[in-house]
């Protein structure tokens, strides 16, 4: 069974930066399509960023210019670089293999003002 393990979450101050990592146990999956989602308390899970098999990325408006999604095939890892964090970025962040429909367990990001 392929495993996805997120890490990198934490307690941050507004304006700081944080990088989330999602390590996939199956290297062949890394070059496929991926998504980073987040879910804040009381809210539905939302797609924050996506990375397709060609390397093209897309972002929701609220994180454009602040978040960057990337991958390192050699490390079997998908990243979400988050800069200029805001209080409203507080959520549990999940990576998803959009090609294979698998999810990680999530990592908590809390941003205080």
Protein backbone atom coordinates (compact mmCIF):
# COMPACT_ATOMS: atom_id res chain seq x y z
CA UNK A 1 0.00 0.00 0.00
CA UNK A 2 1.36 3.40 -0.98
CA UNK A 3 1.73 5.84 1.87
CA UNK A 4 1.69 9.63 1.84
CA UNK A 5 3.18 11.35 4.87
CA UNK A 6 2.89 15.10 5.36
CA UNK A 7 5.14 17.05 7.67
CA UNK A 8 6.28 20.59 8.33
CA UNK A 9 3.26 22.05 10.03
CA UNK A 10 3.53 24.14 13.15
CA UNK A 11 2.66 27.29 15.06
CA UNK A 12 3.66 30.42 13.19
CA UNK A 13 3.36 34.16 13.42
CA UNK A 14 1.68 36.08 10.65
CA UNK A 15 4.18 37.04 8.01
CA UNK A 16 6.43 34.05 8.56
CA UNK A 17 7.20 31.27 6.11
CA UNK A 18 6.74 27.53 6.28
CA UNK A 19 7.32 24.63 3.94
CA UNK A 20 5.13 21.55 4.02
CA UNK A 21 6.40 18.25 2.69
CA UNK A 22 4.54 15.21 1.46
CA UNK A 23 6.66 12.12 1.07
CA UNK A 24 5.28 9.36 -1.12
CA UNK A 25 6.42 5.78 -0.67
CA UNK A 26 6.00 5.13 -4.40
CA UNK A 27 8.45 7.09 -6.53
CA UNK A 28 6.49 6.53 -9.74
CA UNK A 29 3.64 8.60 -8.32
CA UNK A 30 5.66 11.75 -7.80
CA UNK A 31 5.64 12.84 -11.44
CA UNK A 32 1.85 12.59 -11.67
CA UNK A 33 -0.77 15.15 -10.63
CA UNK A 34 -0.90 16.35 -7.02
CA UNK A 35 -2.91 18.68 -4.89
CA UNK A 36 -2.52 20.41 -1.57
CA UNK A 37 -5.79 20.90 0.29
CA UNK A 38 -6.64 22.52 3.57
CA UNK A 39 -9.50 22.31 5.98
CA UNK A 40 -10.16 24.84 8.68
CA UNK A 41 -12.53 24.10 11.58
CA UNK A 42 -16.12 24.32 10.44
CA UNK A 43 -15.13 24.63 6.80
CA UNK A 44 -15.08 22.25 3.90
CA UNK A 45 -11.81 20.98 2.60
CA UNK A 46 -10.59 23.20 -0.21
CA UNK A 47 -8.00 22.78 -2.92
CA UNK A 48 -5.23 25.29 -2.33
CA UNK A 49 -2.71 24.37 -5.00
CA UNK A 50 -2.27 21.80 -7.70
CA UNK A 51 0.62 20.51 -9.76
CA UNK A 52 -0.01 18.54 -12.91
CA UNK A 53 2.19 15.98 -14.62
CA UNK A 54 3.70 18.64 -16.88
CA UNK A 55 4.80 20.75 -13.93
CA UNK A 56 2.11 23.35 -14.34
CA UNK A 57 0.80 24.76 -11.08
CA UNK A 58 -2.38 26.54 -10.14
CA UNK A 59 -3.47 28.26 -6.95
CA UNK A 60 -6.54 29.69 -5.37
CA UNK A 61 -6.63 33.46 -5.40
CA UNK A 62 -6.08 33.85 -1.67
CA UNK A 63 -2.64 32.21 -1.84
CA UNK A 64 -1.42 33.35 -5.24
CA UNK A 65 1.94 35.02 -4.95
CA UNK A 66 2.47 33.60 -1.46
CA UNK A 67 2.39 29.81 -1.91
CA UNK A 68 4.48 27.73 -4.26
CA UNK A 69 3.96 24.07 -4.96
CA UNK A 70 6.79 21.92 -6.27
CA UNK A 71 8.19 18.42 -6.25
CA UNK A 72 11.49 16.64 -6.02
CA UNK A 73 11.29 13.26 -7.69
CA UNK A 74 14.60 12.08 -6.24
CA UNK A 75 13.25 12.70 -2.74
CA UNK A 76 9.78 11.36 -3.57
CA UNK A 77 8.42 14.57 -2.10
CA UNK A 78 5.85 17.19 -3.01
CA UNK A 79 6.23 20.57 -1.32
CA UNK A 80 4.12 23.55 -0.46
CA UNK A 81 6.18 26.62 0.28
CA UNK A 82 4.06 29.12 2.18
CA UNK A 83 5.26 32.69 2.57
CA UNK A 84 3.69 35.72 4.21
CA UNK A 85 1.41 33.51 6.24
CA UNK A 86 -1.88 34.92 7.37
CA UNK A 87 -4.17 34.00 10.23
CA UNK A 88 -6.68 32.76 7.69
CA UNK A 89 -4.16 30.18 6.47
CA UNK A 90 -4.74 28.28 9.69
CA UNK A 91 -5.95 24.79 8.79
CA UNK A 92 -5.01 21.16 8.52
CA UNK A 93 -3.16 20.73 5.24
CA UNK A 94 -3.38 17.54 3.22
CA UNK A 95 -1.61 16.34 0.14
CA UNK A 96 -3.45 14.25 -2.37
CA UNK A 97 -2.34 12.21 -5.31
CA UNK A 98 -4.93 13.43 -7.76
CA UNK A 99 -3.98 10.71 -10.19
CA UNK A 100 -4.37 7.85 -7.74
CA UNK A 101 -6.83 9.33 -5.26
CA UNK A 102 -4.75 8.81 -2.14
CA UNK A 103 -4.50 11.20 0.80
CA UNK A 104 -2.03 11.85 3.53
CA UNK A 105 -2.97 12.17 7.19
CA UNK A 106 -2.66 15.94 7.28
CA UNK A 107 -0.44 18.40 9.09
CA UNK A 108 -1.68 21.28 11.22
CA UNK A 109 -0.68 24.85 10.41
CA UNK A 110 -1.64 27.49 12.94
CA UNK A 111 -0.93 31.15 12.28
CA UNK A 112 -1.34 33.74 14.99
CA UNK A 113 -1.42 37.50 14.61
